[in-house]
């Protein structure tokens, strides 16, 4: 997916991909600036980072539990 295709990347989270890909990126420097800004926002919200980490861990455990099969319906 290219950095300019925002519709597919906005997944309801605050910041993150939404912050970076809302508008088409014209230059590498602009992309880097957006990424650094999003990282700074994450540092300001440690609870959000902790929650995302826990969700990833839960999803990985469910994936292992179903031997790599579909697990979205049990989350």
N, C-alpha and C. Protein backbone atom coordinates (compact mmCIF):
# COMPACT_ATOMS: atom_id res chain seq x y z
N UNK A 1 0.84 -1.17 0.00
CA UNK A 1 0.00 0.00 0.00
C UNK A 1 0.89 1.24 0.00
N UNK A 2 0.57 2.20 -0.78
CA UNK A 2 1.41 3.39 -0.86
C UNK A 2 1.05 4.36 0.25
N UNK A 3 2.01 5.23 0.66
CA UNK A 3 1.74 6.19 1.72
C UNK A 3 0.59 7.12 1.39
N UNK A 4 0.18 7.24 0.16
CA UNK A 4 -0.89 8.15 -0.20
C UNK A 4 -2.28 7.53 -0.10
N UNK A 5 -2.39 6.24 0.12
CA UNK A 5 -3.70 5.60 0.16
C UNK A 5 -4.21 5.56 1.59
N UNK A 6 -4.85 6.64 1.98
CA UNK A 6 -5.24 6.82 3.38
C UNK A 6 -6.47 6.02 3.78
N UNK A 7 -7.41 5.84 2.90
CA UNK A 7 -8.67 5.22 3.29
C UNK A 7 -8.48 3.83 3.88
N UNK A 8 -7.59 3.05 3.31
CA UNK A 8 -7.39 1.70 3.79
C UNK A 8 -6.62 1.67 5.10
N UNK A 9 -5.89 2.74 5.42
CA UNK A 9 -5.01 2.71 6.56
C UNK A 9 -5.63 3.27 7.83
N UNK A 10 -6.70 4.02 7.70
CA UNK A 10 -7.32 4.60 8.89
C UNK A 10 -8.17 3.51 9.54
N UNK A 11 -7.76 3.10 10.73
CA UNK A 11 -8.43 1.97 11.37
C UNK A 11 -9.07 2.36 12.69
N UNK A 12 -9.37 3.63 12.89
CA UNK A 12 -10.07 4.03 14.09
C UNK A 12 -9.20 4.39 15.27
N UNK A 13 -7.92 4.17 15.21
CA UNK A 13 -7.07 4.53 16.33
C UNK A 13 -6.76 6.02 16.25
N UNK A 14 -6.43 6.60 17.40
CA UNK A 14 -6.03 7.99 17.37
C UNK A 14 -4.55 8.05 17.09
N UNK A 15 -4.13 8.95 16.25
CA UNK A 15 -2.72 9.06 15.91
C UNK A 15 -2.29 7.93 15.01
N UNK A 16 -1.05 7.47 15.17
CA UNK A 16 -0.54 6.34 14.42
C UNK A 16 -0.67 6.51 12.92
N UNK A 17 -1.22 5.51 12.26
CA UNK A 17 -1.36 5.54 10.81
C UNK A 17 -2.21 6.72 10.37
N UNK A 18 -3.25 7.02 11.15
CA UNK A 18 -4.11 8.14 10.79
C UNK A 18 -3.29 9.43 10.71
N UNK A 19 -2.45 9.64 11.68
CA UNK A 19 -1.61 10.84 11.73
C UNK A 19 -0.67 10.90 10.53
N UNK A 20 -0.13 9.79 10.15
CA UNK A 20 0.89 9.76 9.10
C UNK A 20 0.29 9.80 7.71
N UNK A 21 -0.80 9.07 7.48
CA UNK A 21 -1.31 8.90 6.12
C UNK A 21 -2.62 9.62 5.81
N UNK A 22 -3.05 10.57 6.63
CA UNK A 22 -4.30 11.26 6.35
C UNK A 22 -4.26 11.99 5.02
N UNK A 23 -3.16 12.64 4.76
CA UNK A 23 -2.96 13.33 3.49
C UNK A 23 -1.80 12.68 2.74
N UNK A 24 -1.82 12.80 1.43
CA UNK A 24 -0.76 12.22 0.62
C UNK A 24 0.59 12.82 1.00
N UNK A 25 1.57 11.95 1.12
CA UNK A 25 2.92 12.37 1.45
C UNK A 25 3.63 12.72 0.14
N UNK A 26 4.19 13.92 0.10
CA UNK A 26 4.85 14.38 -1.12
C UNK A 26 6.35 14.08 -1.13
N UNK A 27 6.98 14.11 0.04
CA UNK A 27 8.43 13.92 0.09
C UNK A 27 8.80 12.95 1.21
N UNK A 28 9.99 12.42 1.11
CA UNK A 28 10.52 11.53 2.15
C UNK A 28 10.62 12.29 3.47
N UNK A 29 11.05 13.54 3.42
CA UNK A 29 11.21 14.35 4.62
C UNK A 29 9.86 14.59 5.31
N UNK A 30 8.83 14.81 4.52
CA UNK A 30 7.49 15.00 5.09
C UNK A 30 7.03 13.73 5.79
N UNK A 31 7.27 12.59 5.19
CA UNK A 31 6.91 11.32 5.81
C UNK A 31 7.67 11.14 7.12
N UNK A 32 8.96 11.41 7.10
CA UNK A 32 9.77 11.28 8.30
C UNK A 32 9.27 12.21 9.41
N UNK A 33 8.93 13.43 9.06
CA UNK A 33 8.41 14.38 10.04
C UNK A 33 7.12 13.87 10.65
N UNK A 34 6.23 13.34 9.84
CA UNK A 34 4.96 12.81 10.36
C UNK A 34 5.19 11.61 11.28
N UNK A 35 6.11 10.74 10.89
CA UNK A 35 6.41 9.57 11.72
C UNK A 35 6.98 10.00 13.06
N UNK A 36 7.92 10.93 13.04
CA UNK A 36 8.53 11.41 14.29
C UNK A 36 7.49 12.09 15.18
N UNK A 37 6.58 12.84 14.58
CA UNK A 37 5.51 13.48 15.35
C UNK A 37 4.60 12.44 15.99
N UNK A 38 4.25 11.40 15.24
CA UNK A 38 3.40 10.34 15.78
C UNK A 38 4.11 9.61 16.92
N UNK A 39 5.42 9.40 16.78
CA UNK A 39 6.19 8.74 17.85
C UNK A 39 6.21 9.60 19.11
N UNK A 40 6.34 10.90 18.95
CA UNK A 40 6.33 11.80 20.09
C UNK A 40 4.99 11.74 20.80
N UNK A 41 3.91 11.63 20.05
CA UNK A 41 2.58 11.52 20.66
C UNK A 41 2.44 10.23 21.45
N UNK A 42 3.01 9.14 20.96
CA UNK A 42 2.95 7.87 21.66
C UNK A 42 3.68 7.97 22.99
N UNK A 43 4.81 8.65 23.00
CA UNK A 43 5.56 8.83 24.24
C UNK A 43 4.74 9.56 25.29
N UNK A 44 3.84 10.44 24.85
CA UNK A 44 3.01 11.20 25.78
C UNK A 44 1.84 10.38 26.31
N UNK A 45 1.57 9.24 25.73
CA UNK A 45 0.42 8.41 26.12
C UNK A 45 0.87 6.98 26.42
N UNK A 46 1.59 6.76 27.52
CA UNK A 46 2.09 5.41 27.78
C UNK A 46 0.97 4.38 27.98
N UNK A 47 -0.19 4.80 28.46
CA UNK A 47 -1.29 3.85 28.64
C UNK A 47 -1.79 3.33 27.30
N UNK A 48 -1.81 4.20 26.29
CA UNK A 48 -2.24 3.78 24.96
C UNK A 48 -1.24 2.77 24.38
N UNK A 49 0.03 3.02 24.59
CA UNK A 49 1.07 2.09 24.12
C UNK A 49 0.96 0.76 24.85
N UNK A 50 0.74 0.81 26.16
CA UNK A 50 0.58 -0.42 26.95
C UNK A 50 -0.62 -1.22 26.45
N UNK A 51 -1.72 -0.53 26.18
CA UNK A 51 -2.93 -1.20 25.69
C UNK A 51 -2.68 -1.86 24.34
N UNK A 52 -2.02 -1.15 23.44
CA UNK A 52 -1.73 -1.71 22.12
C UNK A 52 -0.82 -2.93 22.24
N UNK A 53 0.15 -2.87 23.14
CA UNK A 53 1.07 -3.99 23.35
C UNK A 53 0.31 -5.19 23.90
N UNK A 54 -0.59 -4.95 24.84
CA UNK A 54 -1.38 -6.05 25.41
C UNK A 54 -2.29 -6.66 24.35
N UNK A 55 -2.89 -5.82 23.50
CA UNK A 55 -3.76 -6.33 22.44
C UNK A 55 -2.96 -7.21 21.47
N UNK A 56 -1.76 -6.77 21.13
CA UNK A 56 -0.91 -7.56 20.24
C UNK A 56 -0.58 -8.91 20.86
N UNK A 57 -0.26 -8.89 22.15
CA UNK A 57 0.05 -10.13 22.85
C UNK A 57 -1.15 -11.07 22.86
N UNK A 58 -2.34 -10.53 23.11
CA UNK A 58 -3.57 -11.32 23.11
C UNK A 58 -3.81 -11.94 21.74
N UNK A 59 -3.64 -11.12 20.70
CA UNK A 59 -3.86 -11.62 19.33
C UNK A 59 -2.85 -12.71 18.97
N UNK A 60 -1.60 -12.53 19.38
CA UNK A 60 -0.57 -13.54 19.09
C UNK A 60 -0.90 -14.85 19.81
N UNK A 61 -1.34 -14.76 21.06
CA UNK A 61 -1.69 -15.97 21.82
C UNK A 61 -2.86 -16.69 21.16
N UNK A 62 -3.87 -15.94 20.70
CA UNK A 62 -5.03 -16.57 20.04
C UNK A 62 -4.60 -17.22 18.73
N UNK A 63 -3.70 -16.57 18.01
CA UNK A 63 -3.21 -17.13 16.75
C UNK A 63 -2.51 -18.46 17.01
N UNK A 64 -1.70 -18.51 18.04
CA UNK A 64 -1.01 -19.75 18.41
C UNK A 64 -2.02 -20.81 18.84
N UNK A 65 -3.03 -20.37 19.60
CA UNK A 65 -4.06 -21.29 20.11
C UNK A 65 -4.81 -21.98 18.97
N UNK A 66 -5.05 -21.25 17.88
CA UNK A 66 -5.79 -21.85 16.75
C UNK A 66 -4.84 -22.30 15.65
N UNK A 67 -3.57 -22.50 16.03
CA UNK A 67 -2.55 -23.02 15.12
C UNK A 67 -2.44 -22.21 13.83
N UNK A 68 -2.48 -20.88 13.98
CA UNK A 68 -2.32 -19.99 12.84
C UNK A 68 -3.58 -19.77 12.03
N UNK A 69 -4.67 -20.37 12.44
CA UNK A 69 -5.94 -20.20 11.71
C UNK A 69 -6.60 -18.87 12.05
N UNK A 70 -7.83 -18.73 11.61
CA UNK A 70 -8.59 -17.50 11.87
C UNK A 70 -8.94 -17.40 13.35
N UNK A 71 -8.68 -16.23 13.92
CA UNK A 71 -8.95 -16.06 15.35
C UNK A 71 -9.75 -14.78 15.64
N UNK A 72 -10.07 -13.99 14.62
CA UNK A 72 -10.78 -12.72 14.83
C UNK A 72 -12.11 -12.94 15.55
N UNK A 73 -12.81 -14.00 15.26
CA UNK A 73 -14.13 -14.23 15.84
C UNK A 73 -14.06 -14.56 17.33
N UNK A 74 -12.90 -14.93 17.86
CA UNK A 74 -12.79 -15.25 19.28
C UNK A 74 -12.14 -14.13 20.09
N UNK A 75 -11.80 -13.04 19.46
CA UNK A 75 -11.18 -11.92 20.17
C UNK A 75 -12.17 -10.99 20.77
